[in-house]
């Protein structure tokens, strides 16, 4: 792909470089070689921009002039992410239902769905169009899921949970497992509290591998639009997570925790 084409697609300003230069791939600044494009977003890597073997570098608007072809952007990290998309095409999944899938007769599945091996979809489930459910995904009774749902292998959506459009579940994610609720009886033994409230996940949420969003005892557990939840995160029963919030790996939210919008909780934070 020509450098000028890349600049146009990602909205960057080409400086100090041949518009017709051919770029054949992307790489980190230390690994990049001739013919590849890289980026600098963190000032601590600025010196590497002067020694990189990359043919082109995406930098900020105020970055000093370097020998390599330069694409200037107000957000070099995002610009590079969009560049990667030009060179990497994720797997495509043809519409169809695998012979080993088990789908209840009352389930409703939209057009162009890909239902993989050993998927189980229970009664009264609604799934919108263009869904991809890979091997061993399980959708429990009464779950409602929007359009463009992507569920990687072994992810689970439990009973009565509601998911919006463009939701992604990575491998092993569980939405709506029972919250950790127990009451001690007069003899000192723990009695399980029924977890009757669903987990509700809004549009454009991504929940990564082996993360859990528990259902509520009453009310609901809510993850708002655009939130991103990393691997091994626990969202306790009755909690709420605001729009565009990031929960990094191994964050733990106790039951009924309230987290606002655009919050970032770094790895292993407990609330």
C-alpha atoms as a PDB file:
ATOM      1  CA  UNK A   1       0.000   0.000   0.000  1.00  0.00           C
ATOM      2  CA  UNK A   2       1.312   3.445  -0.865  1.00  0.00           C
ATOM      3  CA  UNK A   3       2.243   5.775   1.972  1.00  0.00           C
ATOM      4  CA  UNK A   4      -0.074   8.503   0.694  1.00  0.00           C
ATOM      5  CA  UNK A   5      -2.999   6.062   0.783  1.00  0.00           C
ATOM      6  CA  UNK A   6      -2.260   5.180   4.399  1.00  0.00           C
ATOM      7  CA  UNK A   7      -2.056   8.850   5.346  1.00  0.00           C
ATOM      8  CA  UNK A   8      -5.408   9.522   3.718  1.00  0.00           C
ATOM      9  CA  UNK A   9      -7.179   6.610   5.409  1.00  0.00           C
ATOM     10  CA  UNK A  10      -5.885   7.348   8.925  1.00  0.00           C
ATOM     11  CA  UNK A  11      -6.215  11.130   8.622  1.00  0.00           C
ATOM     12  CA  UNK A  12      -2.515  11.871   9.070  1.00  0.00           C
ATOM     13  CA  UNK A  13      -0.387  14.552   7.424  1.00  0.00           C
ATOM     14  CA  UNK A  14       2.445  13.156   5.313  1.00  0.00           C
ATOM     15  CA  UNK A  15       5.744  14.947   5.780  1.00  0.00           C
ATOM     16  CA  UNK A  16       9.281  14.171   4.686  1.00  0.00           C
ATOM     17  CA  UNK A  17       8.364  11.131   2.646  1.00  0.00           C
ATOM     18  CA  UNK A  18       7.637   9.934  -0.863  1.00  0.00           C
ATOM     19  CA  UNK A  19       3.906   9.694  -1.498  1.00  0.00           C
ATOM     20  CA  UNK A  20       4.438   6.653  -3.723  1.00  0.00           C
ATOM     21  CA  UNK A  21       6.528   4.744  -1.159  1.00  0.00           C
ATOM     22  CA  UNK A  22       5.252   1.178  -0.806  1.00  0.00           C
ATOM     23  CA  UNK A  23       4.530  -0.027   2.739  1.00  0.00           C
ATOM     24  CA  UNK A  24       4.118  -3.774   3.182  1.00  0.00           C
ATOM     25  CA  UNK A  25       3.512  -4.159   6.904  1.00  0.00           C
ATOM     26  CA  UNK A  26       3.483  -2.806  10.443  1.00  0.00           C
ATOM     27  CA  UNK A  27       5.762  -3.412  13.426  1.00  0.00           C
ATOM     28  CA  UNK A  28       6.906  -1.985  16.749  1.00  0.00           C
ATOM     29  CA  UNK A  29       9.563   0.669  16.554  1.00  0.00           C
ATOM     30  CA  UNK A  30      12.396  -1.616  17.666  1.00  0.00           C
ATOM     31  CA  UNK A  31      11.415  -4.506  15.384  1.00  0.00           C
ATOM     32  CA  UNK A  32      10.402  -2.570  12.265  1.00  0.00           C
ATOM     33  CA  UNK A  33      12.374  -3.055   9.048  1.00  0.00           C
ATOM     34  CA  UNK A  34      12.535  -1.442   5.633  1.00  0.00           C
ATOM     35  CA  UNK A  35       9.109  -1.410   4.009  1.00  0.00           C
ATOM     36  CA  UNK A  36       7.249  -1.293   7.328  1.00  0.00           C
ATOM     37  CA  UNK A  37       5.534   1.513   9.210  1.00  0.00           C
ATOM     38  CA  UNK A  38       5.691   2.071  12.971  1.00  0.00           C
ATOM     39  CA  UNK A  39       4.732   4.775  15.477  1.00  0.00           C
ATOM     40  CA  UNK A  40       5.838   6.779  18.518  1.00  0.00           C
ATOM     41  CA  UNK A  41       3.168   7.846  21.015  1.00  0.00           C
ATOM     42  CA  UNK A  42       5.170   7.714  24.253  1.00  0.00           C
ATOM     43  CA  UNK A  43       7.992  10.294  24.608  1.00  0.00           C
ATOM     44  CA  UNK A  44      10.263   7.711  26.243  1.00  0.00           C
ATOM     45  CA  UNK A  45      10.598   6.023  22.837  1.00  0.00           C
ATOM     46  CA  UNK A  46      11.416   9.247  20.979  1.00  0.00           C
ATOM     47  CA  UNK A  47      15.111   8.422  20.588  1.00  0.00           C
ATOM     48  CA  UNK A  48      14.238   5.165  18.821  1.00  0.00           C
ATOM     49  CA  UNK A  49      12.504   7.115  16.062  1.00  0.00           C
ATOM     50  CA  UNK A  50      15.902   8.397  14.973  1.00  0.00           C
ATOM     51  CA  UNK A  51      17.458   4.934  14.732  1.00  0.00           C
ATOM     52  CA  UNK A  52      14.553   2.769  13.585  1.00  0.00           C
ATOM     53  CA  UNK A  53      14.893   0.859  10.320  1.00  0.00           C
ATOM     54  CA  UNK A  54      11.213   1.500   9.538  1.00  0.00           C
ATOM     55  CA  UNK A  55      10.480   3.269   6.279  1.00  0.00           C
ATOM     56  CA  UNK A  56       7.824   5.451   7.902  1.00  0.00           C
ATOM     57  CA  UNK A  57       6.884   6.563  11.413  1.00  0.00           C
ATOM     58  CA  UNK A  58       3.584   7.939  12.727  1.00  0.00           C
ATOM     59  CA  UNK A  59       4.273  10.701  15.267  1.00  0.00           C
ATOM     60  CA  UNK A  60       2.545  13.588  17.014  1.00  0.00           C
ATOM     61  CA  UNK A  61       2.166  17.011  15.420  1.00  0.00           C
ATOM     62  CA  UNK A  62       4.988  18.490  17.514  1.00  0.00           C
ATOM     63  CA  UNK A  63       7.470  15.618  17.198  1.00  0.00           C
ATOM     64  CA  UNK A  64      10.956  16.694  15.987  1.00  0.00           C
ATOM     65  CA  UNK A  65      11.912  16.093  12.372  1.00  0.00           C
ATOM     66  CA  UNK A  66      13.474  12.665  11.697  1.00  0.00           C
ATOM     67  CA  UNK A  67      15.069  10.999   8.686  1.00  0.00           C
ATOM     68  CA  UNK A  68      12.311   8.451   8.099  1.00  0.00           C
ATOM     69  CA  UNK A  69       9.137   9.352   6.263  1.00  0.00           C
ATOM     70  CA  UNK A  70       6.820  10.962   8.796  1.00  0.00           C
ATOM     71  CA  UNK A  71       3.051  10.892   9.196  1.00  0.00           C
ATOM     72  CA  UNK A  72       1.887  13.465  11.719  1.00  0.00           C
ATOM     73  CA  UNK A  73      -1.280  12.891  13.735  1.00  0.00           C
ATOM     74  CA  UNK A  74      -3.004  14.436  16.731  1.00  0.00           C
ATOM     75  CA  UNK A  75      -3.397  10.886  18.077  1.00  0.00           C
ATOM     76  CA  UNK A  76      -0.526   8.700  16.824  1.00  0.00           C
ATOM     77  CA  UNK A  77      -1.546   5.634  18.821  1.00  0.00           C
ATOM     78  CA  UNK A  78      -5.049   5.595  17.350  1.00  0.00           C
ATOM     79  CA  UNK A  79      -3.658   6.362  13.902  1.00  0.00           C
ATOM     80  CA  UNK A  80      -1.324   3.363  14.156  1.00  0.00           C
ATOM     81  CA  UNK A  81      -4.159   1.131  15.360  1.00  0.00           C
ATOM     82  CA  UNK A  82      -6.106   2.069  12.244  1.00  0.00           C
ATOM     83  CA  UNK A  83      -3.024   1.381  10.135  1.00  0.00           C
ATOM     84  CA  UNK A  84      -2.774  -2.128  11.570  1.00  0.00           C
ATOM     85  CA  UNK A  85      -6.337  -2.759  10.384  1.00  0.00           C
ATOM     86  CA  UNK A  86      -5.198  -2.073   6.817  1.00  0.00           C
ATOM     87  CA  UNK A  87      -2.726  -4.958   6.947  1.00  0.00           C
ATOM     88  CA  UNK A  88      -4.487  -7.466   9.191  1.00  0.00           C
ATOM     89  CA  UNK A  89      -7.795  -9.005   8.258  1.00  0.00           C
ATOM     90  CA  UNK A  90      -9.443 -11.046  11.024  1.00  0.00           C
ATOM     91  CA  UNK A  91     -10.969 -14.425  10.162  1.00  0.00           C
ATOM     92  CA  UNK A  92     -14.294 -14.328   8.371  1.00  0.00           C
ATOM     93  CA  UNK A  93     -17.116 -16.680   9.351  1.00  0.00           C
ATOM     94  CA  UNK A  94     -19.639 -17.756   6.755  1.00  0.00           C
ATOM     95  CA  UNK A  95     -23.311 -17.795   7.752  1.00  0.00           C
ATOM     96  CA  UNK A  96     -24.596 -21.197   8.737  1.00  0.00           C
ATOM     97  CA  UNK A  97     -25.382 -23.530  11.617  1.00  0.00           C
ATOM     98  CA  UNK A  98     -23.038 -26.401  12.410  1.00  0.00           C
ATOM     99  CA  UNK A  99     -24.624 -29.843  12.525  1.00  0.00           C
ATOM    100  CA  UNK A 100     -23.616 -30.347  16.165  1.00  0.00           C
ATOM    101  CA  UNK A 101     -25.232 -27.134  17.438  1.00  0.00           C
ATOM    102  CA  UNK A 102     -28.275 -27.556  19.691  1.00  0.00           C
ATOM    103  CA  UNK A 103     -30.865 -24.811  19.216  1.00  0.00           C
ATOM    104  CA  UNK A 104     -34.267 -24.805  20.909  1.00  0.00           C
ATOM    105  CA  UNK A 105     -37.216 -24.481  18.564  1.00  0.00           C
ATOM    106  CA  UNK A 106     -38.390 -21.303  20.310  1.00  0.00           C
ATOM    107  CA  UNK A 107     -35.071 -19.478  19.869  1.00  0.00           C
ATOM    108  CA  UNK A 108     -35.028 -16.617  17.373  1.00  0.00           C
ATOM    109  CA  UNK A 109     -31.782 -15.927  15.513  1.00  0.00           C
ATOM    110  CA  UNK A 110     -31.332 -13.088  13.019  1.00  0.00           C
ATOM    111  CA  UNK A 111     -30.044 -13.279   9.475  1.00  0.00           C
ATOM    112  CA  UNK A 112     -26.465 -14.167   8.520  1.00  0.00           C
ATOM    113  CA  UNK A 113     -25.569 -15.826  11.820  1.00  0.00           C
ATOM    114  CA  UNK A 114     -22.615 -18.180  12.153  1.00  0.00           C
ATOM    115  CA  UNK A 115     -23.338 -20.854  14.776  1.00  0.00           C
ATOM    116  CA  UNK A 116     -20.289 -23.031  15.415  1.00  0.00           C
ATOM    117  CA  UNK A 117     -19.756 -26.594  16.662  1.00  0.00           C
ATOM    118  CA  UNK A 118     -21.474 -27.657  19.886  1.00  0.00           C
ATOM    119  CA  UNK A 119     -23.098 -24.286  20.507  1.00  0.00           C
ATOM    120  CA  UNK A 120     -26.174 -24.520  22.746  1.00  0.00           C
ATOM    121  CA  UNK A 121     -28.986 -21.958  22.466  1.00  0.00           C
ATOM    122  CA  UNK A 122     -31.861 -22.507  24.876  1.00  0.00           C
ATOM    123  CA  UNK A 123     -35.553 -21.652  24.817  1.00  0.00           C
ATOM    124  CA  UNK A 124     -36.885 -18.123  24.240  1.00  0.00           C
ATOM    125  CA  UNK A 125     -33.494 -16.701  23.284  1.00  0.00           C
ATOM    126  CA  UNK A 126     -33.376 -13.729  20.904  1.00  0.00           C
ATOM    127  CA  UNK A 127     -30.190 -13.015  18.945  1.00  0.00           C
ATOM    128  CA  UNK A 128     -29.948 -10.233  16.349  1.00  0.00           C
ATOM    129  CA  UNK A 129     -28.477 -10.355  12.867  1.00  0.00           C
ATOM    130  CA  UNK A 130     -24.843 -11.016  11.929  1.00  0.00           C
ATOM    131  CA  UNK A 131     -24.017 -12.920  15.110  1.00  0.00           C
ATOM    132  CA  UNK A 132     -20.946 -15.143  15.376  1.00  0.00           C
ATOM    133  CA  UNK A 133     -21.005 -17.840  18.067  1.00  0.00           C
ATOM    134  CA  UNK A 134     -17.930 -20.044  18.035  1.00  0.00           C
ATOM    135  CA  UNK A 135     -17.504 -23.539  19.451  1.00  0.00           C
ATOM    136  CA  UNK A 136     -19.100 -24.453  22.787  1.00  0.00           C
ATOM    137  CA  UNK A 137     -20.784 -21.098  23.398  1.00  0.00           C
ATOM    138  CA  UNK A 138     -23.859 -21.505  25.612  1.00  0.00           C
ATOM    139  CA  UNK A 139     -26.803 -19.093  25.711  1.00  0.00           C
ATOM    140  CA  UNK A 140     -29.245 -19.789  28.545  1.00  0.00           C
ATOM    141  CA  UNK A 141     -33.020 -19.493  28.564  1.00  0.00           C
ATOM    142  CA  UNK A 142     -34.568 -16.110  27.850  1.00  0.00           C
ATOM    143  CA  UNK A 143     -31.378 -14.204  27.038  1.00  0.00           C
ATOM    144  CA  UNK A 144     -31.809 -11.241  24.676  1.00  0.00           C
ATOM    145  CA  UNK A 145     -28.855 -10.260  22.495  1.00  0.00           C
ATOM    146  CA  UNK A 146     -28.566  -7.506  19.874  1.00  0.00           C
ATOM    147  CA  UNK A 147     -27.005  -7.314  16.423  1.00  0.00           C
ATOM    148  CA  UNK A 148     -23.361  -8.079  15.527  1.00  0.00           C
ATOM    149  CA  UNK A 149     -22.769 -10.205  18.619  1.00  0.00           C
ATOM    150  CA  UNK A 150     -19.402 -11.996  18.628  1.00  0.00           C
ATOM    151  CA  UNK A 151     -18.913 -14.765  21.184  1.00  0.00           C
ATOM    152  CA  UNK A 152     -15.598 -16.595  21.203  1.00  0.00           C
ATOM    153  CA  UNK A 153     -15.333 -20.244  22.191  1.00  0.00           C
ATOM    154  CA  UNK A 154     -16.558 -21.305  25.634  1.00  0.00           C
ATOM    155  CA  UNK A 155     -18.177 -17.982  26.527  1.00  0.00           C
ATOM    156  CA  UNK A 156     -21.546 -18.084  28.306  1.00  0.00           C
ATOM    157  CA  UNK A 157     -24.596 -15.822  28.584  1.00  0.00           C
ATOM    158  CA  UNK A 158     -26.863 -16.897  31.418  1.00  0.00           C
ATOM    159  CA  UNK A 159     -30.646 -16.836  31.765  1.00  0.00           C
ATOM    160  CA  UNK A 160     -32.587 -13.598  31.207  1.00  0.00           C
ATOM    161  CA  UNK A 161     -29.448 -11.513  30.620  1.00  0.00           C
ATOM    162  CA  UNK A 162     -29.622  -8.699  28.074  1.00  0.00           C
ATOM    163  CA  UNK A 163     -26.823  -7.699  25.728  1.00  0.00           C
ATOM    164  CA  UNK A 164     -26.904  -4.785  23.286  1.00  0.00           C
ATOM    165  CA  UNK A 165     -25.479  -4.395  19.807  1.00  0.00           C
ATOM    166  CA  UNK A 166     -21.818  -4.937  18.875  1.00  0.00           C
ATOM    167  CA  UNK A 167     -20.927  -6.807  22.054  1.00  0.00           C
ATOM    168  CA  UNK A 168     -17.787  -8.979  22.022  1.00  0.00           C
ATOM    169  CA  UNK A 169     -17.142 -11.803  24.475  1.00  0.00           C
ATOM    170  CA  UNK A 170     -13.658 -13.273  24.471  1.00  0.00           C
ATOM    171  CA  UNK A 171     -12.956 -16.897  25.373  1.00  0.00           C
ATOM    172  CA  UNK A 172     -14.389 -18.051  28.664  1.00  0.00           C
ATOM    173  CA  UNK A 173     -16.224 -14.832  29.532  1.00  0.00           C
ATOM    174  CA  UNK A 174     -19.338 -15.452  31.640  1.00  0.00           C
ATOM    175  CA  UNK A 175     -22.253 -13.026  31.752  1.00  0.00           C
ATOM    176  CA  UNK A 176     -24.840 -13.535  34.471  1.00  0.00           C
ATOM    177  CA  UNK A 177     -23.473 -16.307  36.673  1.00  0.00           C
ATOM    178  CA  UNK A 178     -24.908 -16.253  40.188  1.00  0.00           C
ATOM    179  CA  UNK A 179     -23.669 -13.459  42.401  1.00  0.00           C
ATOM    180  CA  UNK A 180     -21.810 -14.482  45.541  1.00  0.00           C
ATOM    181  CA  UNK A 181     -24.727 -14.084  47.939  1.00  0.00           C
ATOM    182  CA  UNK A 182     -25.230 -16.123  51.111  1.00  0.00           C
ATOM    183  CA  UNK A 183     -27.035 -15.502  54.407  1.00  0.00           C
ATOM    184  CA  UNK A 184     -26.150 -17.216  57.657  1.00  0.00           C
ATOM    185  CA  UNK A 185     -28.996 -19.111  59.321  1.00  0.00           C
ATOM    186  CA  UNK A 186     -29.541 -19.563  63.056  1.00  0.00           C
ATOM    187  CA  UNK A 187     -27.239 -22.567  63.152  1.00  0.00           C
ATOM    188  CA  UNK A 188     -24.390 -20.639  61.524  1.00  0.00           C
ATOM    189  CA  UNK A 189     -24.682 -22.330  58.166  1.00  0.00           C
ATOM    190  CA  UNK A 190     -24.658 -20.412  54.913  1.00  0.00           C
ATOM    191  CA  UNK A 191     -27.905 -20.362  52.940  1.00  0.00           C
ATOM    192  CA  UNK A 192     -27.751 -19.415  49.275  1.00  0.00           C
ATOM    193  CA  UNK A 193     -29.571 -16.222  48.276  1.00  0.00           C
ATOM    194  CA  UNK A 194     -31.387 -16.576  44.967  1.00  0.00           C
ATOM    195  CA  UNK A 195     -29.852 -14.298  42.334  1.00  0.00           C
ATOM    196  CA  UNK A 196     -32.936 -13.211  40.439  1.00  0.00           C
ATOM    197  CA  UNK A 197     -31.720 -10.084  38.626  1.00  0.00           C
ATOM    198  CA  UNK A 198     -30.055 -10.203  35.200  1.00  0.00           C
ATOM    199  CA  UNK A 199     -26.751  -8.843  34.018  1.00  0.00           C
ATOM    200  CA  UNK A 200     -27.318  -6.113  31.426  1.00  0.00           C
ATOM    201  CA  UNK A 201     -24.556  -5.227  28.972  1.00  0.00           C
ATOM    202  CA  UNK A 202     -25.057  -2.239  26.678  1.00  0.00           C
ATOM    203  CA  UNK A 203     -23.851  -1.593  23.123  1.00  0.00           C
ATOM    204  CA  UNK A 204     -20.167  -1.721  22.122  1.00  0.00           C
ATOM    205  CA  UNK A 205     -18.931  -3.455  25.257  1.00  0.00           C
ATOM    206  CA  UNK A 206     -16.025  -5.894  25.027  1.00  0.00           C
ATOM    207  CA  UNK A 207     -15.469  -8.414  27.814  1.00  0.00           C
ATOM    208  CA  UNK A 208     -12.214 -10.301  27.573  1.00  0.00           C
ATOM    209  CA  UNK A 209     -11.066 -13.790  28.468  1.00  0.00           C
ATOM    210  CA  UNK A 210     -12.300 -15.408  31.682  1.00  0.00           C
ATOM    211  CA  UNK A 211     -13.912 -12.223  32.981  1.00  0.00           C
ATOM    212  CA  UNK A 212     -17.197 -12.478  34.878  1.00  0.00           C
ATOM    213  CA  UNK A 213     -20.149 -10.125  35.202  1.00  0.00           C
ATOM    214  CA  UNK A 214     -22.370 -11.672  37.869  1.00  0.00           C
ATOM    215  CA  UNK A 215     -26.143 -11.420  37.970  1.00  0.00           C
ATOM    216  CA  UNK A 216     -27.841  -9.506  40.801  1.00  0.00           C
ATOM    217  CA  UNK A 217     -29.837 -10.837  43.726  1.00  0.00           C
ATOM    218  CA  UNK A 218     -32.454  -8.159  42.970  1.00  0.00           C
ATOM    219  CA  UNK A 219     -32.339  -5.381  40.402  1.00  0.00           C
ATOM    220  CA  UNK A 220     -29.569  -5.796  37.855  1.00  0.00           C
ATOM    221  CA  UNK A 221     -25.843  -5.689  37.244  1.00  0.00           C
ATOM    222  CA  UNK A 222     -25.151  -3.108  34.543  1.00  0.00           C
ATOM    223  CA  UNK A 223     -22.224  -2.487  32.190  1.00  0.00           C
ATOM    224  CA  UNK A 224     -22.831   0.696  30.192  1.00  0.00           C
ATOM    225  CA  UNK A 225     -22.102   1.493  26.557  1.00  0.00           C
ATOM    226  CA  UNK A 226     -18.514   1.319  25.387  1.00  0.00           C
ATOM    227  CA  UNK A 227     -17.000  -0.110  28.569  1.00  0.00           C
ATOM    228  CA  UNK A 228     -14.054  -2.482  28.129  1.00  0.00           C
ATOM    229  CA  UNK A 229     -13.359  -5.244  30.643  1.00  0.00           C
ATOM    230  CA  UNK A 230     -10.000  -7.025  30.596  1.00  0.00           C
ATOM    231  CA  UNK A 231      -9.050 -10.626  31.371  1.00  0.00           C
ATOM    232  CA  UNK A 232      -9.895 -12.103  34.780  1.00  0.00           C
ATOM    233  CA  UNK A 233     -11.991  -9.151  35.938  1.00  0.00           C
ATOM    234  CA  UNK A 234     -14.795  -9.782  38.431  1.00  0.00           C
ATOM    235  CA  UNK A 235     -17.850  -7.496  38.389  1.00  0.00           C
ATOM    236  CA  UNK A 236     -19.851  -8.363  41.481  1.00  0.00           C
ATOM    237  CA  UNK A 237     -23.618  -8.705  41.713  1.00  0.00           C
ATOM    238  CA  UNK A 238     -25.633  -5.510  41.535  1.00  0.00           C
ATOM    239  CA  UNK A 239     -22.658  -3.395  40.452  1.00  0.00           C
ATOM    240  CA  UNK A 240     -22.706  -0.786  37.710  1.00  0.00           C
ATOM    241  CA  UNK A 241     -19.917   0.227  35.344  1.00  0.00           C
ATOM    242  CA  UNK A 242     -20.234   3.524  33.471  1.00  0.00           C
ATOM    243  CA  UNK A 243     -19.816   4.389  29.807  1.00  0.00           C
ATOM    244  CA  UNK A 244     -16.348   4.082  28.240  1.00  0.00           C
ATOM    245  CA  UNK A 245     -14.804   2.846  31.479  1.00  0.00           C
ATOM    246  CA  UNK A 246     -11.769   0.540  31.371  1.00  0.00           C
ATOM    247  CA  UNK A 247     -11.325  -2.241  33.906  1.00  0.00           C
ATOM    248  CA  UNK A 248      -7.823  -3.679  33.464  1.00  0.00           C
ATOM    249  CA  UNK A 249      -6.769  -7.240  34.243  1.00  0.00           C
ATOM    250  CA  UNK A 250      -7.706  -8.733  37.616  1.00  0.00           C
ATOM    251  CA  UNK A 251      -9.790  -5.781  38.795  1.00  0.00           C
ATOM    252  CA  UNK A 252     -12.359  -6.879  41.341  1.00  0.00           C
ATOM    253  CA  UNK A 253     -15.604  -5.017  42.050  1.00  0.00           C
ATOM    254  CA  UNK A 254     -17.492  -6.083  45.147  1.00  0.00           C
ATOM    255  CA  UNK A 255     -21.257  -6.400  44.990  1.00  0.00           C
ATOM    256  CA  UNK A 256     -23.200  -3.134  44.544  1.00  0.00           C
ATOM    257  CA  UNK A 257     -20.112  -1.130  43.553  1.00  0.00           C
ATOM    258  CA  UNK A 258     -20.785   1.945  41.413  1.00  0.00           C
ATOM    259  CA  UNK A 259     -18.120   3.019  38.903  1.00  0.00           C
ATOM    260  CA  UNK A 260     -18.722   6.122  36.807  1.00  0.00           C
ATOM    261  CA  UNK A 261     -18.042   6.929  33.158  1.00  0.00           C
ATOM    262  CA  UNK A 262     -14.587   7.131  31.548  1.00  0.00           C
ATOM    263  CA  UNK A 263     -12.912   5.705  34.647  1.00  0.00           C
ATOM    264  CA  UNK A 264      -9.716   3.654  34.299  1.00  0.00           C
ATOM    265  CA  UNK A 265      -9.007   1.048  36.988  1.00  0.00           C
ATOM    266  CA  UNK A 266      -5.491  -0.350  36.569  1.00  0.00           C
ATOM    267  CA  UNK A 267      -4.568  -3.986  37.033  1.00  0.00           C
ATOM    268  CA  UNK A 268      -5.524  -5.712  40.300  1.00  0.00           C
ATOM    269  CA  UNK A 269      -7.440  -2.735  41.699  1.00  0.00           C
ATOM    270  CA  UNK A 270     -10.091  -3.795  44.182  1.00  0.00           C
ATOM    271  CA  UNK A 271     -13.179  -1.727  44.940  1.00  0.00           C
END
